[in-house]
Amino acid sequence: MAEDSYYYYCLGEDSVKKGNWEEAETYYLKSLELGEHFKTHHKLSLLYRNFDKSDKAEHHLEQAFLLNPKNDKIALEYSEMIAQKDRHFEAVEILESILKRNNTYGPAIKLKALLMKE
């Protein structure tokens, strides 16, 4: 198997399963060096949330969203993140784009309702 971006992504996934967080971080970063992918950015975001490195987590979540804004799960997480930074209008716009594609997506419906009350 060629040691490409996907190869290192898979090594990162294996490391996460084994609880080797630092090793997973190394593999995910190597994967991104070889080729950007929204899933790798998302995995790094999750990893950094566990490390309590919010700036890095936010950066990678934003990158995941920018690379694939039509992924409902990532769009929802991104809208939650920016809503916490008092960017409610932007968050609602993202939620509306989710609901335009998937009008029964419960988490987006709930978050939009919550933000509209504020």
PDB file of N, CA and C in Angstrom:
ATOM      1  N   MET A   1       0.837  -1.193   0.000  1.00  0.00           N
ATOM      2  CA  MET A   1       0.000   0.000   0.000  1.00  0.00           C
ATOM      3  C   MET A   1       0.874   1.245   0.000  1.00  0.00           C
ATOM      4  N   ALA A   2       0.546   2.183  -0.857  1.00  0.00           N
ATOM      5  CA  ALA A   2       1.279   3.442  -0.928  1.00  0.00           C
ATOM      6  C   ALA A   2       1.014   4.257   0.338  1.00  0.00           C
ATOM      7  N   GLU A   3       2.038   4.921   0.793  1.00  0.00           N
ATOM      8  CA  GLU A   3       1.903   5.735   1.994  1.00  0.00           C
ATOM      9  C   GLU A   3       1.377   7.113   1.610  1.00  0.00           C
ATOM     10  N   ASP A   4       0.085   7.155   1.339  1.00  0.00           N
ATOM     11  CA  ASP A   4      -0.568   8.390   0.947  1.00  0.00           C
ATOM     12  C   ASP A   4      -1.365   8.955   2.125  1.00  0.00           C
ATOM     13  N   SER A   5      -2.121   9.991   1.853  1.00  0.00           N
ATOM     14  CA  SER A   5      -2.920  10.647   2.890  1.00  0.00           C
ATOM     15  C   SER A   5      -3.856   9.667   3.591  1.00  0.00           C
ATOM     16  N   TYR A   6      -4.531   8.844   2.825  1.00  0.00           N
ATOM     17  CA  TYR A   6      -5.480   7.881   3.397  1.00  0.00           C
ATOM     18  C   TYR A   6      -4.775   6.862   4.283  1.00  0.00           C
ATOM     19  N   TYR A   7      -3.592   6.450   3.901  1.00  0.00           N
ATOM     20  CA  TYR A   7      -2.805   5.507   4.698  1.00  0.00           C
ATOM     21  C   TYR A   7      -2.576   6.064   6.102  1.00  0.00           C
ATOM     22  N   TYR A   8      -2.146   7.328   6.180  1.00  0.00           N
ATOM     23  CA  TYR A   8      -1.874   7.930   7.489  1.00  0.00           C
ATOM     24  C   TYR A   8      -3.159   8.215   8.263  1.00  0.00           C
ATOM     25  N   TYR A   9      -4.225   8.532   7.535  1.00  0.00           N
ATOM     26  CA  TYR A   9      -5.533   8.697   8.183  1.00  0.00           C
ATOM     27  C   TYR A   9      -5.922   7.391   8.877  1.00  0.00           C
ATOM     28  N   CYS A  10      -5.759   6.271   8.186  1.00  0.00           N
ATOM     29  CA  CYS A  10      -6.102   4.959   8.765  1.00  0.00           C
ATOM     30  C   CYS A  10      -5.221   4.635   9.966  1.00  0.00           C
ATOM     31  N   LEU A  11      -3.937   4.986   9.894  1.00  0.00           N
ATOM     32  CA  LEU A  11      -3.058   4.787  11.045  1.00  0.00           C
ATOM     33  C   LEU A  11      -3.538   5.638  12.224  1.00  0.00           C
ATOM     34  N   GLY A  12      -3.990   6.839  11.933  1.00  0.00           N
ATOM     35  CA  GLY A  12      -4.544   7.698  12.981  1.00  0.00           C
ATOM     36  C   GLY A  12      -5.773   7.080  13.608  1.00  0.00           C
ATOM     37  N   GLU A  13      -6.650   6.519  12.789  1.00  0.00           N
ATOM     38  CA  GLU A  13      -7.857   5.857  13.294  1.00  0.00           C
ATOM     39  C   GLU A  13      -7.494   4.668  14.188  1.00  0.00           C
ATOM     40  N   ASP A  14      -6.520   3.879  13.763  1.00  0.00           N
ATOM     41  CA  ASP A  14      -6.072   2.744  14.574  1.00  0.00           C
ATOM     42  C   ASP A  14      -5.499   3.213  15.905  1.00  0.00           C
ATOM     43  N   SER A  15      -4.754   4.304  15.869  1.00  0.00           N
ATOM     44  CA  SER A  15      -4.161   4.840  17.100  1.00  0.00           C
ATOM     45  C   SER A  15      -5.239   5.324  18.063  1.00  0.00           C
ATOM     46  N   VAL A  16      -6.289   5.941  17.534  1.00  0.00           N
ATOM     47  CA  VAL A  16      -7.397   6.387  18.383  1.00  0.00           C
ATOM     48  C   VAL A  16      -8.040   5.192  19.058  1.00  0.00           C
ATOM     49  N   LYS A  17      -8.281   4.134  18.296  1.00  0.00           N
ATOM     50  CA  LYS A  17      -8.902   2.921  18.856  1.00  0.00           C
ATOM     51  C   LYS A  17      -8.071   2.326  19.983  1.00  0.00           C
ATOM     52  N   LYS A  18      -6.756   2.491  19.886  1.00  0.00           N
ATOM     53  CA  LYS A  18      -5.843   1.966  20.909  1.00  0.00           C
ATOM     54  C   LYS A  18      -5.628   2.955  22.053  1.00  0.00           C
ATOM     55  N   GLY A  19      -6.197   4.150  21.933  1.00  0.00           N
ATOM     56  CA  GLY A  19      -6.038   5.160  22.974  1.00  0.00           C
ATOM     57  C   GLY A  19      -4.723   5.909  22.906  1.00  0.00           C
ATOM     58  N   ASN A  20      -4.032   5.816  21.784  1.00  0.00           N
ATOM     59  CA  ASN A  20      -2.756   6.515  21.599  1.00  0.00           C
ATOM     60  C   ASN A  20      -3.014   7.866  20.930  1.00  0.00           C
ATOM     61  N   TRP A  21      -3.435   8.840  21.740  1.00  0.00           N
ATOM     62  CA  TRP A  21      -3.862  10.127  21.209  1.00  0.00           C
ATOM     63  C   TRP A  21      -2.751  10.909  20.519  1.00  0.00           C
ATOM     64  N   GLU A  22      -1.571  10.945  21.129  1.00  0.00           N
ATOM     65  CA  GLU A  22      -0.464  11.701  20.539  1.00  0.00           C
ATOM     66  C   GLU A  22      -0.035  11.085  19.220  1.00  0.00           C
ATOM     67  N   GLU A  23      -0.007   9.761  19.179  1.00  0.00           N
ATOM     68  CA  GLU A  23       0.342   9.065  17.937  1.00  0.00           C
ATOM     69  C   GLU A  23      -0.714   9.350  16.858  1.00  0.00           C
ATOM     70  N   ALA A  24      -1.978   9.342  17.257  1.00  0.00           N
ATOM     71  CA  ALA A  24      -3.055   9.643  16.308  1.00  0.00           C
ATOM     72  C   ALA A  24      -2.884  11.048  15.751  1.00  0.00           C
ATOM     73  N   GLU A  25      -2.571  11.992  16.615  1.00  0.00           N
ATOM     74  CA  GLU A  25      -2.366  13.369  16.164  1.00  0.00           C
ATOM     75  C   GLU A  25      -1.262  13.426  15.107  1.00  0.00           C
ATOM     76  N   THR A  26      -0.164  12.749  15.357  1.00  0.00           N
ATOM     77  CA  THR A  26       0.957  12.725  14.416  1.00  0.00           C
ATOM     78  C   THR A  26       0.519  12.172  13.063  1.00  0.00           C
ATOM     79  N   TYR A  27      -0.209  11.074  13.089  1.00  0.00           N
ATOM     80  CA  TYR A  27      -0.662  10.468  11.834  1.00  0.00           C
ATOM     81  C   TYR A  27      -1.660  11.352  11.096  1.00  0.00           C
ATOM     82  N   TYR A  28      -2.597  11.946  11.815  1.00  0.00           N
ATOM     83  CA  TYR A  28      -3.565  12.824  11.159  1.00  0.00           C
ATOM     84  C   TYR A  28      -2.858  14.034  10.529  1.00  0.00           C
ATOM     85  N   LEU A  29      -1.910  14.608  11.249  1.00  0.00           N
ATOM     86  CA  LEU A  29      -1.183  15.754  10.699  1.00  0.00           C
ATOM     87  C   LEU A  29      -0.383  15.361   9.463  1.00  0.00           C
ATOM     88  N   LYS A  30       0.205  14.181   9.491  1.00  0.00           N
ATOM     89  CA  LYS A  30       0.935  13.677   8.324  1.00  0.00           C
ATOM     90  C   LYS A  30      -0.039  13.479   7.153  1.00  0.00           C
ATOM     91  N   SER A  31      -1.196  12.957   7.442  1.00  0.00           N
ATOM     92  CA  SER A  31      -2.216  12.772   6.417  1.00  0.00           C
ATOM     93  C   SER A  31      -2.565  14.107   5.767  1.00  0.00           C
ATOM     94  N   LEU A  32      -2.736  15.152   6.581  1.00  0.00           N
ATOM     95  CA  LEU A  32      -3.066  16.472   6.042  1.00  0.00           C
ATOM     96  C   LEU A  32      -1.930  17.068   5.217  1.00  0.00           C
ATOM     97  N   GLU A  33      -0.691  16.752   5.586  1.00  0.00           N
ATOM     98  CA  GLU A  33       0.449  17.227   4.790  1.00  0.00           C
ATOM     99  C   GLU A  33       0.384  16.675   3.372  1.00  0.00           C
ATOM    100  N   LEU A  34      -0.084  15.443   3.258  1.00  0.00           N
ATOM    101  CA  LEU A  34      -0.120  14.773   1.958  1.00  0.00           C
ATOM    102  C   LEU A  34      -1.384  15.083   1.162  1.00  0.00           C
ATOM    103  N   GLY A  35      -2.424  15.498   1.849  1.00  0.00           N
ATOM    104  CA  GLY A  35      -3.664  15.834   1.164  1.00  0.00           C
ATOM    105  C   GLY A  35      -4.757  16.190   2.152  1.00  0.00           C
ATOM    106  N   GLU A  36      -5.344  17.350   1.953  1.00  0.00           N
ATOM    107  CA  GLU A  36      -6.402  17.796   2.865  1.00  0.00           C
ATOM    108  C   GLU A  36      -7.687  17.015   2.633  1.00  0.00           C
ATOM    109  N   HIS A  37      -8.344  16.697   3.730  1.00  0.00           N
ATOM    110  CA  HIS A  37      -9.642  16.043   3.643  1.00  0.00           C
ATOM    111  C   HIS A  37     -10.451  16.471   4.859  1.00  0.00           C
ATOM    112  N   PHE A  38     -11.746  16.704   4.646  1.00  0.00           N
ATOM    113  CA  PHE A  38     -12.580  17.201   5.739  1.00  0.00           C
ATOM    114  C   PHE A  38     -12.636  16.225   6.907  1.00  0.00           C
ATOM    115  N   LYS A  39     -12.622  14.928   6.641  1.00  0.00           N
ATOM    116  CA  LYS A  39     -12.708  13.953   7.739  1.00  0.00           C
ATOM    117  C   LYS A  39     -11.482  14.018   8.635  1.00  0.00           C
ATOM    118  N   THR A  40     -10.325  14.219   8.046  1.00  0.00           N
ATOM    119  CA  THR A  40      -9.097  14.301   8.841  1.00  0.00           C
ATOM    120  C   THR A  40      -9.122  15.547   9.720  1.00  0.00           C
ATOM    121  N   HIS A  41      -9.560  16.661   9.164  1.00  0.00           N
ATOM    122  CA  HIS A  41      -9.694  17.880   9.974  1.00  0.00           C
ATOM    123  C   HIS A  41     -10.702  17.646  11.107  1.00  0.00           C
ATOM    124  N   HIS A  42     -11.790  16.976  10.802  1.00  0.00           N
ATOM    125  CA  HIS A  42     -12.799  16.716  11.830  1.00  0.00           C
ATOM    126  C   HIS A  42     -12.232  15.840  12.941  1.00  0.00           C
ATOM    127  N   LYS A  43     -11.499  14.802  12.572  1.00  0.00           N
ATOM    128  CA  LYS A  43     -10.903  13.915  13.586  1.00  0.00           C
ATOM    129  C   LYS A  43      -9.916  14.681  14.463  1.00  0.00           C
ATOM    130  N   LEU A  44      -9.126  15.564  13.852  1.00  0.00           N
ATOM    131  CA  LEU A  44      -8.201  16.376  14.646  1.00  0.00           C
ATOM    132  C   LEU A  44      -8.962  17.299  15.586  1.00  0.00           C
ATOM    133  N   SER A  45     -10.054  17.840  15.111  1.00  0.00           N
ATOM    134  CA  SER A  45     -10.877  18.697  15.963  1.00  0.00           C
ATOM    135  C   SER A  45     -11.360  17.925  17.187  1.00  0.00           C
ATOM    136  N   LEU A  46     -11.848  16.735  16.968  1.00  0.00           N
ATOM    137  CA  LEU A  46     -12.311  15.901  18.087  1.00  0.00           C
ATOM    138  C   LEU A  46     -11.170  15.574  19.043  1.00  0.00           C
ATOM    139  N   LEU A  47     -10.022  15.261  18.481  1.00  0.00           N
ATOM    140  CA  LEU A  47      -8.849  14.928  19.284  1.00  0.00           C
ATOM    141  C   LEU A  47      -8.436  16.122  20.145  1.00  0.00           C
ATOM    142  N   TYR A  48      -8.388  17.299  19.536  1.00  0.00           N
ATOM    143  CA  TYR A  48      -7.973  18.491  20.275  1.00  0.00           C
ATOM    144  C   TYR A  48      -8.996  18.895  21.329  1.00  0.00           C
ATOM    145  N   ARG A  49     -10.255  18.597  21.108  1.00  0.00           N
ATOM    146  CA  ARG A  49     -11.249  18.852  22.162  1.00  0.00           C
ATOM    147  C   ARG A  49     -10.937  17.998  23.382  1.00  0.00           C
ATOM    148  N   ASN A  50     -10.510  16.767  23.147  1.00  0.00           N
ATOM    149  CA  ASN A  50     -10.133  15.884  24.263  1.00  0.00           C
ATOM    150  C   ASN A  50      -8.875  16.370  24.967  1.00  0.00           C
ATOM    151  N   PHE A  51      -7.980  17.029  24.237  1.00  0.00           N
ATOM    152  CA  PHE A  51      -6.743  17.572  24.803  1.00  0.00           C
ATOM    153  C   PHE A  51      -6.977  18.927  25.455  1.00  0.00           C
ATOM    154  N   ASP A  52      -8.202  19.460  25.324  1.00  0.00           N
ATOM    155  CA  ASP A  52      -8.540  20.791  25.810  1.00  0.00           C
ATOM    156  C   ASP A  52      -7.691  21.862  25.123  1.00  0.00           C
ATOM    157  N   LYS A  53      -7.528  21.686  23.818  1.00  0.00           N
ATOM    158  CA  LYS A  53      -6.816  22.668  22.989  1.00  0.00           C
ATOM    159  C   LYS A  53      -7.849  23.294  22.062  1.00  0.00           C
ATOM    160  N   SER A  54      -8.643  24.195  22.626  1.00  0.00           N
ATOM    161  CA  SER A  54      -9.804  24.713  21.905  1.00  0.00           C
ATOM    162  C   SER A  54      -9.446  25.479  20.635  1.00  0.00           C
ATOM    163  N   ASP A  55      -8.349  26.226  20.634  1.00  0.00           N
ATOM    164  CA  ASP A  55      -7.985  26.982  19.424  1.00  0.00           C
ATOM    165  C   ASP A  55      -7.715  26.044  18.253  1.00  0.00           C
ATOM    166  N   LYS A  56      -6.967  24.986  18.514  1.00  0.00           N
ATOM    167  CA  LYS A  56      -6.670  24.018  17.457  1.00  0.00           C
ATOM    168  C   LYS A  56      -7.933  23.262  17.048  1.00  0.00           C
ATOM    169  N   ALA A  57      -8.754  22.919  18.021  1.00  0.00           N
ATOM    170  CA  ALA A  57     -10.006  22.210  17.726  1.00  0.00           C
ATOM    171  C   ALA A  57     -10.886  23.064  16.828  1.00  0.00           C
ATOM    172  N   GLU A  58     -10.995  24.335  17.146  1.00  0.00           N
ATOM    173  CA  GLU A  58     -11.823  25.248  16.359  1.00  0.00           C
ATOM    174  C   GLU A  58     -11.276  25.409  14.944  1.00  0.00           C
ATOM    175  N   HIS A  59      -9.970  25.538  14.830  1.00  0.00           N
ATOM    176  CA  HIS A  59      -9.355  25.688  13.511  1.00  0.00           C
ATOM    177  C   HIS A  59      -9.688  24.486  12.622  1.00  0.00           C
ATOM    178  N   HIS A  60      -9.522  23.306  13.160  1.00  0.00           N
ATOM    179  CA  HIS A  60      -9.741  22.105  12.347  1.00  0.00           C
ATOM    180  C   HIS A  60     -11.219  21.867  12.062  1.00  0.00           C
ATOM    181  N   LEU A  61     -12.085  22.234  12.978  1.00  0.00           N
ATOM    182  CA  LEU A  61     -13.517  22.110  12.703  1.00  0.00           C
ATOM    183  C   LEU A  61     -13.921  23.088  11.601  1.00  0.00           C
ATOM    184  N   GLU A  62     -13.390  24.292  11.656  1.00  0.00           N
ATOM    185  CA  GLU A  62     -13.682  25.266  10.607  1.00  0.00           C
ATOM    186  C   GLU A  62     -13.190  24.760   9.248  1.00  0.00           C
ATOM    187  N   GLN A  63     -11.990  24.197   9.225  1.00  0.00           N
ATOM    188  CA  GLN A  63     -11.453  23.668   7.969  1.00  0.00           C
ATOM    189  C   GLN A  63     -12.314  22.523   7.441  1.00  0.00           C
ATOM    190  N   ALA A  64     -12.755  21.656   8.333  1.00  0.00           N
ATOM    191  CA  ALA A  64     -13.630  20.546   7.921  1.00  0.00           C
ATOM    192  C   ALA A  64     -14.902  21.093   7.298  1.00  0.00           C
ATOM    193  N   PHE A  65     -15.484  22.106   7.922  1.00  0.00           N
ATOM    194  CA  PHE A  65     -16.702  22.716   7.404  1.00  0.00           C
ATOM    195  C   PHE A  65     -16.456  23.374   6.045  1.00  0.00           C
ATOM    196  N   LEU A  66     -15.367  24.108   5.930  1.00  0.00           N
ATOM    197  CA  LEU A  66     -15.080  24.801   4.674  1.00  0.00           C
ATOM    198  C   LEU A  66     -14.841  23.821   3.528  1.00  0.00           C
ATOM    199  N   LEU A  67     -14.236  22.683   3.845  1.00  0.00           N
ATOM    200  CA  LEU A  67     -13.984  21.676   2.812  1.00  0.00           C
ATOM    201  C   LEU A  67     -15.248  20.912   2.419  1.00  0.00           C
ATOM    202  N   ASN A  68     -16.200  20.791   3.356  1.00  0.00           N
ATOM    203  CA  ASN A  68     -17.431  20.058   3.053  1.00  0.00           C
ATOM    204  C   ASN A  68     -18.604  20.662   3.826  1.00  0.00           C
ATOM    205  N   PRO A  69     -19.092  21.813   3.383  1.00  0.00           N
ATOM    206  CA  PRO A  69     -20.181  22.479   4.106  1.00  0.00           C
ATOM    207  C   PRO A  69     -21.515  21.745   4.023  1.00  0.00           C
ATOM    208  N   LYS A  70     -21.609  20.738   3.183  1.00  0.00           N
ATOM    209  CA  LYS A  70     -22.864  19.997   3.046  1.00  0.00           C
ATOM    210  C   LYS A  70     -22.922  18.755   3.936  1.00  0.00           C
ATOM    211  N   ASN A  71     -21.911  18.548   4.737  1.00  0.00           N
ATOM    212  CA  ASN A  71     -21.953  17.458   5.708  1.00  0.00           C
ATOM    213  C   ASN A  71     -22.727  17.975   6.920  1.00  0.00           C
ATOM    214  N   ASP A  72     -23.922  17.444   7.120  1.00  0.00           N
ATOM    215  CA  ASP A  72     -24.814  17.982   8.152  1.00  0.00           C
ATOM    216  C   ASP A  72     -24.220  17.922   9.552  1.00  0.00           C
ATOM    217  N   LYS A  73     -23.560  16.840   9.881  1.00  0.00           N
ATOM    218  CA  LYS A  73     -22.982  16.685  11.233  1.00  0.00           C
ATOM    219  C   LYS A  73     -21.911  17.755  11.484  1.00  0.00           C
ATOM    220  N   ILE A  74     -21.032  17.909  10.536  1.00  0.00           N
ATOM    221  CA  ILE A  74     -19.955  18.890  10.702  1.00  0.00           C
ATOM    222  C   ILE A  74     -20.512  20.310  10.666  1.00  0.00           C
ATOM    223  N   ALA A  75     -21.471  20.562   9.785  1.00  0.00           N
ATOM    224  CA  ALA A  75     -22.091  21.889   9.729  1.00  0.00           C
ATOM    225  C   ALA A  75     -22.775  22.215  11.051  1.00  0.00           C
ATOM    226  N   LEU A  76     -23.434  21.237  11.645  1.00  0.00           N
ATOM    227  CA  LEU A  76     -24.082  21.449  12.941  1.00  0.00           C
ATOM    228  C   LEU A  76     -23.044  21.759  14.016  1.00  0.00           C
ATOM    229  N   GLU A  77     -21.980  20.970  14.076  1.00  0.00           N
ATOM    230  CA  GLU A  77     -20.930  21.205  15.077  1.00  0.00           C
ATOM    231  C   GLU A  77     -20.308  22.587  14.882  1.00  0.00           C
ATOM    232  N   TYR A  78     -20.088  22.960  13.632  1.00  0.00           N
ATOM    233  CA  TYR A  78     -19.501  24.267  13.352  1.00  0.00           C
ATOM    234  C   TYR A  78     -20.455  25.385  13.773  1.00  0.00           C
ATOM    235  N   SER A  79     -21.736  25.218  13.488  1.00  0.00           N
ATOM    236  CA  SER A  79     -22.704  26.247  13.893  1.00  0.00           C
ATOM    237  C   SER A  79     -22.779  26.353  15.413  1.00  0.00           C
ATOM    238  N   GLU A  80     -22.678  25.228  16.117  1.00  0.00           N
ATOM    239  CA  GLU A  80     -22.639  25.261  17.592  1.00  0.00           C
ATOM    240  C   GLU A  80     -21.430  26.052  18.073  1.00  0.00           C
ATOM    241  N   MET A  81     -20.288  25.792  17.435  1.00  0.00           N
ATOM    242  CA  MET A  81     -19.056  26.457  17.839  1.00  0.00           C
ATOM    243  C   MET A  81     -19.151  27.969  17.633  1.00  0.00           C
ATOM    244  N   ILE A  82     -19.636  28.393  16.466  1.00  0.00           N
ATOM    245  CA  ILE A  82     -19.679  29.842  16.226  1.00  0.00           C
ATOM    246  C   ILE A  82     -20.795  30.507  17.033  1.00  0.00           C
ATOM    247  N   ALA A  83     -21.840  29.771  17.345  1.00  0.00           N
ATOM    248  CA  ALA A  83     -22.893  30.321  18.206  1.00  0.00           C
ATOM    249  C   ALA A  83     -22.335  30.612  19.600  1.00  0.00           C
ATOM    250  N   GLN A  84     -21.433  29.755  20.076  1.00  0.00           N
ATOM    251  CA  GLN A  84     -20.807  29.971  21.382  1.00  0.00           C
ATOM    252  C   GLN A  84     -19.923  31.213  21.379  1.00  0.00           C
ATOM    253  N   LYS A  85     -19.552  31.664  20.194  1.00  0.00           N
ATOM    254  CA  LYS A  85     -18.739  32.875  20.059  1.00  0.00           C
ATOM    255  C   LYS A  85     -19.611  34.077  19.709  1.00  0.00           C
ATOM    256  N   ASP A  86     -20.916  33.956  20.010  1.00  0.00           N
ATOM    257  CA  ASP A  86     -21.889  35.021  19.770  1.00  0.00           C
ATOM    258  C   ASP A  86     -21.999  35.406  18.294  1.00  0.00           C
ATOM    259  N   ARG A  87     -21.825  34.454  17.416  1.00  0.00           N
ATOM    260  CA  ARG A  87     -22.015  34.667  15.982  1.00  0.00           C
ATOM    261  C   ARG A  87     -23.323  33.966  15.583  1.00  0.00           C
ATOM    262  N   HIS A  88     -24.402  34.360  16.252  1.00  0.00           N
ATOM    263  CA  HIS A  88     -25.693  33.682  16.108  1.00  0.00           C
ATOM    264  C   HIS A  88     -26.259  33.779  14.701  1.00  0.00           C
ATOM    265  N   PHE A  89     -26.147  34.948  14.081  1.00  0.00           N
ATOM    266  CA  PHE A  89     -26.703  35.118  12.739  1.00  0.00           C
ATOM    267  C   PHE A  89     -26.066  34.135  11.761  1.00  0.00           C
ATOM    268  N   GLU A  90     -24.743  34.044  11.822  1.00  0.00           N
ATOM    269  CA  GLU A  90     -24.001  33.107  10.968  1.00  0.00           C
ATOM    270  C   GLU A  90     -24.400  31.658  11.264  1.00  0.00           C
ATOM    271  N   ALA A  91     -24.514  31.349  12.532  1.00  0.00           N
ATOM    272  CA  ALA A  91     -24.893  29.990  12.945  1.00  0.00           C
ATOM    273  C   ALA A  91     -26.276  29.631  12.409  1.00  0.00           C
ATOM    274  N   VAL A  92     -27.207  30.557  12.516  1.00  0.00           N
ATOM    275  CA  VAL A  92     -28.569  30.310  12.014  1.00  0.00           C
ATOM    276  C   VAL A  92     -28.553  30.126  10.502  1.00  0.00           C
ATOM    277  N   GLU A  93     -27.745  30.896   9.793  1.00  0.00           N
ATOM    278  CA  GLU A  93     -27.642  30.724   8.337  1.00  0.00           C
ATOM    279  C   GLU A  93     -27.176  29.318   7.980  1.00  0.00           C
ATOM    280  N   ILE A  94     -26.204  28.827   8.713  1.00  0.00           N
ATOM    281  CA  ILE A  94     -25.698  27.467   8.469  1.00  0.00           C
ATOM    282  C   ILE A  94     -26.788  26.447   8.774  1.00  0.00           C
ATOM    283  N   LEU A  95     -27.482  26.650   9.888  1.00  0.00           N
ATOM    284  CA  LEU A  95     -28.563  25.732  10.255  1.00  0.00           C
ATOM    285  C   LEU A  95     -29.671  25.736   9.197  1.00  0.00           C
ATOM    286  N   GLU A  96     -29.962  26.901   8.667  1.00  0.00           N
ATOM    287  CA  GLU A  96     -30.979  26.978   7.618  1.00  0.00           C
ATOM    288  C   GLU A  96     -30.536  26.237   6.362  1.00  0.00           C
ATOM    289  N   SER A  97     -29.251  26.295   6.053  1.00  0.00           N
ATOM    290  CA  SER A  97     -28.757  25.558   4.881  1.00  0.00           C
ATOM    291  C   SER A  97     -28.846  24.046   5.108  1.00  0.00           C
ATOM    292  N   ILE A  98     -28.614  23.622   6.346  1.00  0.00           N
ATOM    293  CA  ILE A  98     -28.784  22.201   6.682  1.00  0.00           C
ATOM    294  C   ILE A  98     -30.239  21.808   6.481  1.00  0.00           C
ATOM    295  N   LEU A  99     -31.130  22.612   7.050  1.00  0.00           N
ATOM    296  CA  LEU A  99     -32.555  22.283   7.013  1.00  0.00           C
ATOM    297  C   LEU A  99     -33.143  22.381   5.605  1.00  0.00           C
ATOM    298  N   LYS A 100     -32.530  23.152   4.753  1.00  0.00           N
ATOM    299  CA  LYS A 100     -32.965  23.214   3.356  1.00  0.00           C
ATOM    300  C   LYS A 100     -32.709  21.868   2.670  1.00  0.00           C
ATOM    301  N   ARG A 101     -31.599  21.230   3.024  1.00  0.00           N
ATOM    302  CA  ARG A 101     -31.248  19.923   2.465  1.00  0.00           C
ATOM    303  C   ARG A 101     -31.954  18.785   3.179  1.00  0.00           C
ATOM    304  N   ASN A 102     -32.106  18.961   4.494  1.00  0.00           N
ATOM    305  CA  ASN A 102     -32.570  17.873   5.347  1.00  0.00           C
ATOM    306  C   ASN A 102     -33.514  18.463   6.399  1.00  0.00           C
ATOM    307  N   ASN A 103     -34.765  18.694   6.021  1.00  0.00           N
ATOM    308  CA  ASN A 103     -35.686  19.448   6.879  1.00  0.00           C
ATOM    309  C   ASN A 103     -36.155  18.694   8.121  1.00  0.00           C
ATOM    310  N   THR A 104     -35.755  17.445   8.290  1.00  0.00           N
ATOM    311  CA  THR A 104     -36.141  16.688   9.481  1.00  0.00           C
ATOM    312  C   THR A 104     -34.955  16.450  10.422  1.00  0.00           C
ATOM    313  N   TYR A 105     -33.837  17.135  10.191  1.00  0.00           N
ATOM    314  CA  TYR A 105     -32.642  16.917  11.005  1.00  0.00           C
ATOM    315  C   TYR A 105     -32.844  17.548  12.386  1.00  0.00           C
ATOM    316  N   GLY A 106     -33.233  16.720  13.320  1.00  0.00           N
ATOM    317  CA  GLY A 106     -33.613  17.152  14.660  1.00  0.00           C
ATOM    318  C   GLY A 106     -32.618  18.049  15.375  1.00  0.00           C
ATOM    319  N   PRO A 107     -31.329  17.691  15.414  1.00  0.00           N
ATOM    320  CA  PRO A 107     -30.374  18.558  16.118  1.00  0.00           C
ATOM    321  C   PRO A 107     -30.316  19.979  15.558  1.00  0.00           C
ATOM    322  N   ALA A 108     -30.446  20.108  14.246  1.00  0.00           N
ATOM    323  CA  ALA A 108     -30.428  21.445  13.633  1.00  0.00           C
ATOM    324  C   ALA A 108     -31.705  22.209  13.971  1.00  0.00           C
ATOM    325  N   ILE A 109     -32.820  21.507  13.982  1.00  0.00           N
ATOM    326  CA  ILE A 109     -34.096  22.140  14.338  1.00  0.00           C
ATOM    327  C   ILE A 109     -34.036  22.672  15.767  1.00  0.00           C
ATOM    328  N   LYS A 110     -33.523  21.850  16.676  1.00  0.00           N
ATOM    329  CA  LYS A 110     -33.442  22.244  18.088  1.00  0.00           C
ATOM    330  C   LYS A 110     -32.498  23.421  18.299  1.00  0.00           C
ATOM    331  N   LEU A 111     -31.332  23.366  17.667  1.00  0.00           N
ATOM    332  CA  LEU A 111     -30.370  24.454  17.852  1.00  0.00           C
ATOM    333  C   LEU A 111     -30.890  25.756  17.249  1.00  0.00           C
ATOM    334  N   LYS A 112     -31.509  25.675  16.094  1.00  0.00           N
ATOM    335  CA  LYS A 112     -32.064  26.886  15.479  1.00  0.00           C
ATOM    336  C   LYS A 112     -33.127  27.498  16.387  1.00  0.00           C
ATOM    337  N   ALA A 113     -34.009  26.668  16.930  1.00  0.00           N
ATOM    338  CA  ALA A 113     -35.054  27.171  17.830  1.00  0.00           C
ATOM    339  C   ALA A 113     -34.447  27.846  19.047  1.00  0.00           C
ATOM    340  N   LEU A 114     -33.408  27.250  19.591  1.00  0.00           N
ATOM    341  CA  LEU A 114     -32.719  27.814  20.751  1.00  0.00           C
ATOM    342  C   LEU A 114     -32.087  29.165  20.409  1.00  0.00           C
ATOM    343  N   LEU A 115     -31.421  29.233  19.268  1.00  0.00           N
ATOM    344  CA  LEU A 115     -30.763  30.484  18.877  1.00  0.00           C
ATOM    345  C   LEU A 115     -31.765  31.577  18.539  1.00  0.00           C
ATOM    346  N   MET A 116     -32.897  31.204  18.008  1.00  0.00           N
ATOM    347  CA  MET A 116     -33.914  32.194  17.653  1.00  0.00           C
ATOM    348  C   MET A 116     -34.546  32.810  18.903  1.00  0.00           C
ATOM    349  N   LYS A 117     -34.484  32.101  20.025  1.00  0.00           N
ATOM    350  CA  LYS A 117     -35.026  32.645  21.291  1.00  0.00           C
ATOM    351  C   LYS A 117     -34.090  33.688  21.898  1.00  0.00           C
ATOM    352  N   GLU A 118     -32.827  33.571  21.584  1.00  0.00           N
ATOM    353  CA  GLU A 118     -31.829  34.465  22.210  1.00  0.00           C
ATOM    354  C   GLU A 118     -31.769  35.804  21.550  1.00  0.00           C
TER     355      GLU A 118
END
